[in-house]
Amino acid sequence: MTLFDLLKSPIYSQKPILEKIVCHVLGLTKTQLFTRTEQTITDEQKQRIDTMYRRYVENKEPLEYILGYVEFAKLQVHVSSATIIPRPETEYMLEAVREYFEDTNNPRPVTLIDVGTGSGILGVCTMYYQSNRINQAYLTEISTDALEVAKKNKETLLNALQQEKTTLLHCSLLDHPMIKQIVDPKWQNQSILLVANLPYIPDEMFANNADERITKWEPTIAFIGWDDGLDLYRQMFDQIITYNASAKLPITMYLEM
């Protein structure tokens, strides 16, 4: 079977999904997909393509989990069922951070804190693009499985120096000794840039409105913020007030809610 035969086959009704799977299995770009139509597809490749396509169509598994990554901010970011799939609107957070560095004439060293990092999407991508402006970065996450995904993204996307400046912390929100150390008065010459995309959807709203692909495959805990959706944000703000009571460090926050 040639690539042309596969792409034109009527048994694949969702052509955009098929094209992405074929590109992944054959290691082709979108342009190459349509310029190498006479390329022969092996039986093994055909089997992989069919299996992945059925997972999407029949099991309603998100394509990003099937492929193991998502294109985000011009980077290929690893994801798994332990992490939510980054939404395009989250890229606005990175744009806001970029503008922060462009608009701020801040002589203080900046410490980045990504609270509830999940796949590491905000912290790792920020370090990828802004590491020359950041002194150190701490990415916190309560899920050990999600932290493994963040570790993979840190190791595959960041260079050696960026990795050295980036620390992953297993904890709830900011509840870690290293975070408490950051806001010690002895660190008074620094400023803190905090980013967070914590769960913010009320339980009932999520239960009544979430798409089947979300409820079946993505981790519910990464979406719901209990009764009014803001429980984790309140906990985080309480931690910030407590930890920063004596140091009174300047903190700039970018939150998705």
C-alpha atoms as a PDB file:
ATOM      1  CA  MET A   1       0.000   0.000   0.000  1.00  0.00           C
ATOM      2  CA  THR A   2       1.231   3.474  -0.854  1.00  0.00           C
ATOM      3  CA  LEU A   3       0.765   6.592   1.211  1.00  0.00           C
ATOM      4  CA  PHE A   4      -1.632   7.867  -1.457  1.00  0.00           C
ATOM      5  CA  ASP A   5      -3.800   4.748  -1.148  1.00  0.00           C
ATOM      6  CA  LEU A   6      -3.939   5.092   2.619  1.00  0.00           C
ATOM      7  CA  LEU A   7      -4.889   8.762   2.647  1.00  0.00           C
ATOM      8  CA  LYS A   8      -7.617   8.244   0.043  1.00  0.00           C
ATOM      9  CA  SER A   9      -9.102   5.135   1.640  1.00  0.00           C
ATOM     10  CA  PRO A  10     -12.798   5.630   2.507  1.00  0.00           C
ATOM     11  CA  ILE A  11     -12.505   3.595   5.719  1.00  0.00           C
ATOM     12  CA  TYR A  12     -10.808   6.586   7.390  1.00  0.00           C
ATOM     13  CA  SER A  13     -13.512   9.229   7.751  1.00  0.00           C
ATOM     14  CA  GLN A  14     -11.551  11.616   9.978  1.00  0.00           C
ATOM     15  CA  LYS A  15      -8.819  12.659   7.579  1.00  0.00           C
ATOM     16  CA  PRO A  16      -7.117  15.363   9.731  1.00  0.00           C
ATOM     17  CA  ILE A  17      -6.676  12.819  12.547  1.00  0.00           C
ATOM     18  CA  LEU A  18      -5.372  10.212  10.125  1.00  0.00           C
ATOM     19  CA  GLU A  19      -2.875  12.678   8.656  1.00  0.00           C
ATOM     20  CA  LYS A  20      -1.442  13.529  12.085  1.00  0.00           C
ATOM     21  CA  ILE A  21      -1.124   9.863  13.003  1.00  0.00           C
ATOM     22  CA  VAL A  22       0.552   9.022   9.692  1.00  0.00           C
ATOM     23  CA  CYS A  23       3.022  11.899  10.127  1.00  0.00           C
ATOM     24  CA  HIS A  24       3.825  10.613  13.610  1.00  0.00           C
ATOM     25  CA  VAL A  25       4.296   6.967  12.608  1.00  0.00           C
ATOM     26  CA  LEU A  26       6.292   7.698   9.444  1.00  0.00           C
ATOM     27  CA  GLY A  27       8.223  10.654  10.885  1.00  0.00           C
ATOM     28  CA  LEU A  28       7.004  13.042   8.194  1.00  0.00           C
ATOM     29  CA  THR A  29       6.169  16.729   8.191  1.00  0.00           C
ATOM     30  CA  LYS A  30       2.797  17.886   6.875  1.00  0.00           C
ATOM     31  CA  THR A  31       4.497  19.021   3.666  1.00  0.00           C
ATOM     32  CA  GLN A  32       6.261  15.684   3.196  1.00  0.00           C
ATOM     33  CA  LEU A  33       2.959  13.879   3.734  1.00  0.00           C
ATOM     34  CA  PHE A  34       1.638  15.275   0.463  1.00  0.00           C
ATOM     35  CA  THR A  35       4.879  15.184  -1.541  1.00  0.00           C
ATOM     36  CA  ARG A  36       5.780  11.541  -0.873  1.00  0.00           C
ATOM     37  CA  THR A  37       2.476   9.963  -1.845  1.00  0.00           C
ATOM     38  CA  GLU A  38       4.203   7.050  -3.619  1.00  0.00           C
ATOM     39  CA  GLN A  39       6.035   6.016  -0.443  1.00  0.00           C
ATOM     40  CA  THR A  40       5.293   2.417   0.498  1.00  0.00           C
ATOM     41  CA  ILE A  41       3.782   1.725   3.910  1.00  0.00           C
ATOM     42  CA  THR A  42       4.895  -1.506   5.569  1.00  0.00           C
ATOM     43  CA  ASP A  43       2.468  -3.892   7.234  1.00  0.00           C
ATOM     44  CA  GLU A  44       3.892  -2.955  10.637  1.00  0.00           C
ATOM     45  CA  GLN A  45       3.405   0.762   9.984  1.00  0.00           C
ATOM     46  CA  LYS A  46      -0.137   0.140   8.728  1.00  0.00           C
ATOM     47  CA  GLN A  47      -0.944  -1.820  11.870  1.00  0.00           C
ATOM     48  CA  ARG A  48       0.362   0.978  14.116  1.00  0.00           C
ATOM     49  CA  ILE A  49      -1.627   3.574  12.186  1.00  0.00           C
ATOM     50  CA  ASP A  50      -4.824   1.517  12.380  1.00  0.00           C
ATOM     51  CA  THR A  51      -4.401   0.850  16.111  1.00  0.00           C
ATOM     52  CA  MET A  52      -3.882   4.532  16.915  1.00  0.00           C
ATOM     53  CA  TYR A  53      -6.753   5.597  14.676  1.00  0.00           C
ATOM     54  CA  ARG A  54      -9.131   3.156  16.391  1.00  0.00           C
ATOM     55  CA  ARG A  55      -8.062   4.413  19.804  1.00  0.00           C
ATOM     56  CA  TYR A  56      -9.194   7.872  18.749  1.00  0.00           C
ATOM     57  CA  VAL A  57     -12.394   6.957  16.898  1.00  0.00           C
ATOM     58  CA  GLU A  58     -13.662   4.011  18.927  1.00  0.00           C
ATOM     59  CA  ASN A  59     -12.276   4.679  22.406  1.00  0.00           C
ATOM     60  CA  LYS A  60     -12.499   8.474  22.100  1.00  0.00           C
ATOM     61  CA  GLU A  61      -8.970   8.759  23.475  1.00  0.00           C
ATOM     62  CA  PRO A  62      -7.479  12.233  22.936  1.00  0.00           C
ATOM     63  CA  LEU A  63      -5.026  12.321  20.064  1.00  0.00           C
ATOM     64  CA  GLU A  64      -2.458  14.067  22.266  1.00  0.00           C
ATOM     65  CA  TYR A  65      -2.345  11.053  24.601  1.00  0.00           C
ATOM     66  CA  ILE A  66      -2.127   8.660  21.660  1.00  0.00           C
ATOM     67  CA  LEU A  67       0.840  10.554  20.199  1.00  0.00           C
ATOM     68  CA  GLY A  68       2.327  11.335  23.626  1.00  0.00           C
ATOM     69  CA  TYR A  69       2.848  15.015  22.940  1.00  0.00           C
ATOM     70  CA  VAL A  70       1.194  18.289  22.006  1.00  0.00           C
ATOM     71  CA  GLU A  71       2.450  21.199  19.931  1.00  0.00           C
ATOM     72  CA  PHE A  72       2.586  24.176  22.283  1.00  0.00           C
ATOM     73  CA  ALA A  73       4.362  27.506  21.891  1.00  0.00           C
ATOM     74  CA  LYS A  74       6.262  26.063  18.907  1.00  0.00           C
ATOM     75  CA  LEU A  75       7.570  23.233  21.103  1.00  0.00           C
ATOM     76  CA  GLN A  76       6.718  19.541  21.226  1.00  0.00           C
ATOM     77  CA  VAL A  77       5.644  19.027  24.840  1.00  0.00           C
ATOM     78  CA  HIS A  78       5.191  15.551  26.318  1.00  0.00           C
ATOM     79  CA  VAL A  79       1.847  14.720  27.928  1.00  0.00           C
ATOM     80  CA  SER A  80       0.247  11.620  29.419  1.00  0.00           C
ATOM     81  CA  SER A  81      -3.043  10.679  31.044  1.00  0.00           C
ATOM     82  CA  ALA A  82      -1.492  11.893  34.321  1.00  0.00           C
ATOM     83  CA  THR A  83      -1.564  15.463  32.997  1.00  0.00           C
ATOM     84  CA  ILE A  84      -4.200  17.589  31.334  1.00  0.00           C
ATOM     85  CA  ILE A  85      -3.760  18.464  27.692  1.00  0.00           C
ATOM     86  CA  PRO A  86      -2.529  22.071  27.452  1.00  0.00           C
ATOM     87  CA  ARG A  87      -5.085  24.337  25.821  1.00  0.00           C
ATOM     88  CA  PRO A  88      -4.099  26.964  23.223  1.00  0.00           C
ATOM     89  CA  GLU A  89      -5.327  29.787  25.490  1.00  0.00           C
ATOM     90  CA  THR A  90      -2.627  28.876  28.015  1.00  0.00           C
ATOM     91  CA  GLU A  91      -0.126  30.293  25.528  1.00  0.00           C
ATOM     92  CA  TYR A  92      -1.471  33.724  26.498  1.00  0.00           C
ATOM     93  CA  MET A  93       0.212  33.152  29.862  1.00  0.00           C
ATOM     94  CA  LEU A  94       3.578  32.787  28.160  1.00  0.00           C
ATOM     95  CA  GLU A  95       2.900  35.928  26.145  1.00  0.00           C
ATOM     96  CA  ALA A  96       2.090  37.806  29.343  1.00  0.00           C
ATOM     97  CA  VAL A  97       5.345  36.608  30.917  1.00  0.00           C
ATOM     98  CA  ARG A  98       7.274  37.699  27.827  1.00  0.00           C
ATOM     99  CA  GLU A  99       5.728  41.165  28.089  1.00  0.00           C
ATOM    100  CA  TYR A 100       6.594  41.239  31.792  1.00  0.00           C
ATOM    101  CA  PHE A 101      10.272  40.832  31.009  1.00  0.00           C
ATOM    102  CA  GLU A 102      10.132  43.305  28.139  1.00  0.00           C
ATOM    103  CA  ASP A 103       8.330  45.997  30.158  1.00  0.00           C
ATOM    104  CA  THR A 104      10.046  45.545  33.503  1.00  0.00           C
ATOM    105  CA  ASN A 105      13.380  47.208  34.147  1.00  0.00           C
ATOM    106  CA  ASN A 106      14.068  45.063  37.171  1.00  0.00           C
ATOM    107  CA  PRO A 107      17.649  44.854  38.445  1.00  0.00           C
ATOM    108  CA  ARG A 108      16.720  42.152  40.951  1.00  0.00           C
ATOM    109  CA  PRO A 109      17.353  38.479  40.099  1.00  0.00           C
ATOM    110  CA  VAL A 110      14.072  36.753  39.282  1.00  0.00           C
ATOM    111  CA  THR A 111      12.966  33.468  40.805  1.00  0.00           C
ATOM    112  CA  LEU A 112      10.263  31.672  38.821  1.00  0.00           C
ATOM    113  CA  ILE A 113       7.711  29.517  40.661  1.00  0.00           C
ATOM    114  CA  ASP A 114       5.263  27.416  38.660  1.00  0.00           C
ATOM    115  CA  VAL A 115       2.603  26.155  41.082  1.00  0.00           C
ATOM    116  CA  GLY A 116       0.877  22.904  40.128  1.00  0.00           C
ATOM    117  CA  THR A 117       3.077  22.486  37.082  1.00  0.00           C
ATOM    118  CA  GLY A 118       1.470  19.292  35.723  1.00  0.00           C
ATOM    119  CA  SER A 119       3.397  18.432  32.564  1.00  0.00           C
ATOM    120  CA  GLY A 120       5.698  21.382  33.305  1.00  0.00           C
ATOM    121  CA  ILE A 121       4.095  23.331  30.501  1.00  0.00           C
ATOM    122  CA  LEU A 122       4.368  26.838  31.977  1.00  0.00           C
ATOM    123  CA  GLY A 123       7.600  26.494  33.928  1.00  0.00           C
ATOM    124  CA  VAL A 124       9.564  24.580  31.298  1.00  0.00           C
ATOM    125  CA  CYS A 125       8.374  26.720  28.379  1.00  0.00           C
ATOM    126  CA  THR A 126       9.123  29.904  30.328  1.00  0.00           C
ATOM    127  CA  MET A 127      12.633  28.643  31.068  1.00  0.00           C
ATOM    128  CA  TYR A 128      13.085  27.689  27.420  1.00  0.00           C
ATOM    129  CA  TYR A 129      12.330  31.213  26.225  1.00  0.00           C
ATOM    130  CA  GLN A 130      13.327  33.416  29.191  1.00  0.00           C
ATOM    131  CA  SER A 131      16.065  31.565  31.101  1.00  0.00           C
ATOM    132  CA  ASN A 132      18.585  34.360  30.568  1.00  0.00           C
ATOM    133  CA  ARG A 133      16.342  36.591  32.702  1.00  0.00           C
ATOM    134  CA  ILE A 134      15.646  33.985  35.412  1.00  0.00           C
ATOM    135  CA  ASN A 135      18.018  33.175  38.244  1.00  0.00           C
ATOM    136  CA  GLN A 136      16.306  29.964  39.323  1.00  0.00           C
ATOM    137  CA  ALA A 137      13.011  28.149  38.764  1.00  0.00           C
ATOM    138  CA  TYR A 138      10.923  25.901  40.993  1.00  0.00           C
ATOM    139  CA  LEU A 139       8.108  23.767  39.558  1.00  0.00           C
ATOM    140  CA  THR A 140       5.772  22.261  42.162  1.00  0.00           C
ATOM    141  CA  GLU A 141       3.374  19.346  41.687  1.00  0.00           C
ATOM    142  CA  ILE A 142       1.509  17.001  44.026  1.00  0.00           C
ATOM    143  CA  SER A 143       1.125  14.126  41.529  1.00  0.00           C
ATOM    144  CA  THR A 144       4.234  11.952  41.207  1.00  0.00           C
ATOM    145  CA  ASP A 145       3.041  10.672  37.817  1.00  0.00           C
ATOM    146  CA  ALA A 146       2.612  14.198  36.485  1.00  0.00           C
ATOM    147  CA  LEU A 147       6.006  15.133  37.913  1.00  0.00           C
ATOM    148  CA  GLU A 148       7.583  12.367  35.824  1.00  0.00           C
ATOM    149  CA  VAL A 149       6.134  13.981  32.704  1.00  0.00           C
ATOM    150  CA  ALA A 150       7.457  17.385  33.803  1.00  0.00           C
ATOM    151  CA  LYS A 151      10.870  15.779  34.353  1.00  0.00           C
ATOM    152  CA  LYS A 152      10.799  14.370  30.826  1.00  0.00           C
ATOM    153  CA  ASN A 153       9.947  17.781  29.362  1.00  0.00           C
ATOM    154  CA  LYS A 154      12.665  19.436  31.426  1.00  0.00           C
ATOM    155  CA  GLU A 155      15.250  16.960  30.144  1.00  0.00           C
ATOM    156  CA  THR A 156      14.161  17.003  26.491  1.00  0.00           C
ATOM    157  CA  LEU A 157      13.403  20.705  26.005  1.00  0.00           C
ATOM    158  CA  LEU A 158      15.956  22.502  28.180  1.00  0.00           C
ATOM    159  CA  ASN A 159      19.693  22.720  27.698  1.00  0.00           C
ATOM    160  CA  ALA A 160      22.135  21.812  30.458  1.00  0.00           C
ATOM    161  CA  LEU A 161      22.291  25.296  31.999  1.00  0.00           C
ATOM    162  CA  GLN A 162      18.510  25.714  31.894  1.00  0.00           C
ATOM    163  CA  GLN A 163      18.083  22.306  33.548  1.00  0.00           C
ATOM    164  CA  GLU A 164      20.576  23.211  36.263  1.00  0.00           C
ATOM    165  CA  LYS A 165      18.505  26.293  37.117  1.00  0.00           C
ATOM    166  CA  THR A 166      15.216  24.345  37.174  1.00  0.00           C
ATOM    167  CA  THR A 167      14.119  22.297  40.204  1.00  0.00           C
ATOM    168  CA  LEU A 168      11.066  20.032  40.374  1.00  0.00           C
ATOM    169  CA  LEU A 169       9.404  19.809  43.787  1.00  0.00           C
ATOM    170  CA  HIS A 170       6.918  17.184  44.956  1.00  0.00           C
ATOM    171  CA  CYS A 171       4.533  19.065  47.218  1.00  0.00           C
ATOM    172  CA  SER A 172       1.083  20.600  47.553  1.00  0.00           C
ATOM    173  CA  LEU A 173       1.111  24.074  46.023  1.00  0.00           C
ATOM    174  CA  LEU A 174       3.911  25.983  47.841  1.00  0.00           C
ATOM    175  CA  ASP A 175       4.263  23.673  50.831  1.00  0.00           C
ATOM    176  CA  HIS A 176       7.944  22.772  50.452  1.00  0.00           C
ATOM    177  CA  PRO A 177      11.037  23.744  52.495  1.00  0.00           C
ATOM    178  CA  MET A 178      12.815  25.084  49.405  1.00  0.00           C
ATOM    179  CA  ILE A 179       9.957  27.498  48.704  1.00  0.00           C
ATOM    180  CA  LYS A 180       9.921  28.671  52.298  1.00  0.00           C
ATOM    181  CA  GLN A 181      13.673  29.255  52.004  1.00  0.00           C
ATOM    182  CA  ILE A 182      13.175  31.464  48.949  1.00  0.00           C
ATOM    183  CA  VAL A 183      11.092  33.973  50.892  1.00  0.00           C
ATOM    184  CA  ASP A 184      13.548  34.112  53.782  1.00  0.00           C
ATOM    185  CA  PRO A 185      14.654  37.710  54.504  1.00  0.00           C
ATOM    186  CA  LYS A 186      18.203  36.819  53.446  1.00  0.00           C
ATOM    187  CA  TRP A 187      16.913  36.631  49.854  1.00  0.00           C
ATOM    188  CA  GLN A 188      15.631  40.226  49.907  1.00  0.00           C
ATOM    189  CA  ASN A 189      17.455  41.288  46.756  1.00  0.00           C
ATOM    190  CA  GLN A 190      15.319  39.082  44.503  1.00  0.00           C
ATOM    191  CA  SER A 191      11.826  39.271  43.032  1.00  0.00           C
ATOM    192  CA  ILE A 192       9.451  36.400  42.460  1.00  0.00           C
ATOM    193  CA  LEU A 193       7.507  35.618  39.300  1.00  0.00           C
ATOM    194  CA  LEU A 194       4.731  33.153  40.078  1.00  0.00           C
ATOM    195  CA  VAL A 195       2.662  31.411  37.424  1.00  0.00           C
ATOM    196  CA  ALA A 196      -0.188  28.992  38.054  1.00  0.00           C
ATOM    197  CA  ASN A 197      -2.927  27.256  36.123  1.00  0.00           C
ATOM    198  CA  LEU A 198      -4.644  25.530  39.027  1.00  0.00           C
ATOM    199  CA  PRO A 199      -8.014  23.748  38.891  1.00  0.00           C
ATOM    200  CA  TYR A 200     -10.731  26.406  38.871  1.00  0.00           C
ATOM    201  CA  ILE A 201     -13.954  24.765  37.663  1.00  0.00           C
ATOM    202  CA  PRO A 202     -16.703  24.174  40.251  1.00  0.00           C
ATOM    203  CA  ASP A 203     -17.462  20.479  40.794  1.00  0.00           C
ATOM    204  CA  GLU A 204     -21.062  20.650  39.633  1.00  0.00           C
ATOM    205  CA  MET A 205     -20.235  22.685  36.537  1.00  0.00           C
ATOM    206  CA  PHE A 206     -17.566  20.164  35.526  1.00  0.00           C
ATOM    207  CA  ALA A 207     -19.863  17.190  36.096  1.00  0.00           C
ATOM    208  CA  ASN A 208     -22.651  18.714  34.006  1.00  0.00           C
ATOM    209  CA  ASN A 209     -20.699  20.266  31.139  1.00  0.00           C
ATOM    210  CA  ALA A 210     -17.367  18.542  30.561  1.00  0.00           C
ATOM    211  CA  ASP A 211     -16.860  16.751  27.245  1.00  0.00           C
ATOM    212  CA  GLU A 212     -16.725  12.950  27.289  1.00  0.00           C
ATOM    213  CA  ARG A 213     -13.102  12.892  26.133  1.00  0.00           C
ATOM    214  CA  ILE A 214     -12.214  15.008  29.166  1.00  0.00           C
ATOM    215  CA  THR A 215     -14.169  13.091  31.795  1.00  0.00           C
ATOM    216  CA  LYS A 216     -13.047   9.711  30.478  1.00  0.00           C
ATOM    217  CA  TRP A 217      -9.368  10.392  29.875  1.00  0.00           C
ATOM    218  CA  GLU A 218      -8.010  13.529  31.539  1.00  0.00           C
ATOM    219  CA  PRO A 219      -7.345  13.690  35.311  1.00  0.00           C
ATOM    220  CA  THR A 220     -10.423  15.188  36.966  1.00  0.00           C
ATOM    221  CA  ILE A 221      -8.337  16.486  39.864  1.00  0.00           C
ATOM    222  CA  ALA A 222      -6.594  18.861  37.448  1.00  0.00           C
ATOM    223  CA  PHE A 223      -9.889  20.592  36.584  1.00  0.00           C
ATOM    224  CA  ILE A 224     -12.122  20.856  39.628  1.00  0.00           C
ATOM    225  CA  GLY A 225     -11.667  23.456  42.352  1.00  0.00           C
ATOM    226  CA  TRP A 226     -14.474  22.210  44.598  1.00  0.00           C
ATOM    227  CA  ASP A 227     -17.680  24.148  45.315  1.00  0.00           C
ATOM    228  CA  ASP A 228     -16.887  27.501  43.724  1.00  0.00           C
ATOM    229  CA  GLY A 229     -13.773  26.436  41.839  1.00  0.00           C
ATOM    230  CA  LEU A 230     -11.336  28.613  43.802  1.00  0.00           C
ATOM    231  CA  ASP A 231     -10.390  26.446  46.775  1.00  0.00           C
ATOM    232  CA  LEU A 232      -6.796  25.786  45.674  1.00  0.00           C
ATOM    233  CA  TYR A 233      -6.227  29.434  44.822  1.00  0.00           C
ATOM    234  CA  ARG A 234      -7.321  30.417  48.330  1.00  0.00           C
ATOM    235  CA  GLN A 235      -4.921  27.857  49.794  1.00  0.00           C
ATOM    236  CA  MET A 236      -2.091  29.190  47.657  1.00  0.00           C
ATOM    237  CA  PHE A 237      -2.786  32.814  48.610  1.00  0.00           C
ATOM    238  CA  ASP A 238      -2.796  31.850  52.299  1.00  0.00           C
ATOM    239  CA  GLN A 239       0.596  30.180  51.849  1.00  0.00           C
ATOM    240  CA  ILE A 240       2.014  33.241  50.076  1.00  0.00           C
ATOM    241  CA  ILE A 241       0.809  35.582  52.825  1.00  0.00           C
ATOM    242  CA  THR A 242       2.265  33.331  55.530  1.00  0.00           C
ATOM    243  CA  TYR A 243       5.624  32.660  53.891  1.00  0.00           C
ATOM    244  CA  ASN A 244       6.199  36.223  52.731  1.00  0.00           C
ATOM    245  CA  ALA A 245       5.092  37.940  55.957  1.00  0.00           C
ATOM    246  CA  SER A 246       8.625  38.777  57.077  1.00  0.00           C
ATOM    247  CA  ALA A 247      10.553  38.938  53.801  1.00  0.00           C
ATOM    248  CA  LYS A 248       7.934  41.020  51.934  1.00  0.00           C
ATOM    249  CA  LEU A 249       9.493  40.177  48.588  1.00  0.00           C
ATOM    250  CA  PRO A 250       7.912  41.678  45.468  1.00  0.00           C
ATOM    251  CA  ILE A 251       5.777  38.999  43.808  1.00  0.00           C
ATOM    252  CA  THR A 252       4.287  39.242  40.329  1.00  0.00           C
ATOM    253  CA  MET A 253       1.610  36.640  39.588  1.00  0.00           C
ATOM    254  CA  TYR A 254       0.107  35.377  36.342  1.00  0.00           C
ATOM    255  CA  LEU A 255      -2.867  33.080  36.965  1.00  0.00           C
ATOM    256  CA  GLU A 256      -5.263  31.313  34.635  1.00  0.00           C
ATOM    257  CA  MET A 257      -8.776  31.241  36.078  1.00  0.00           C
END
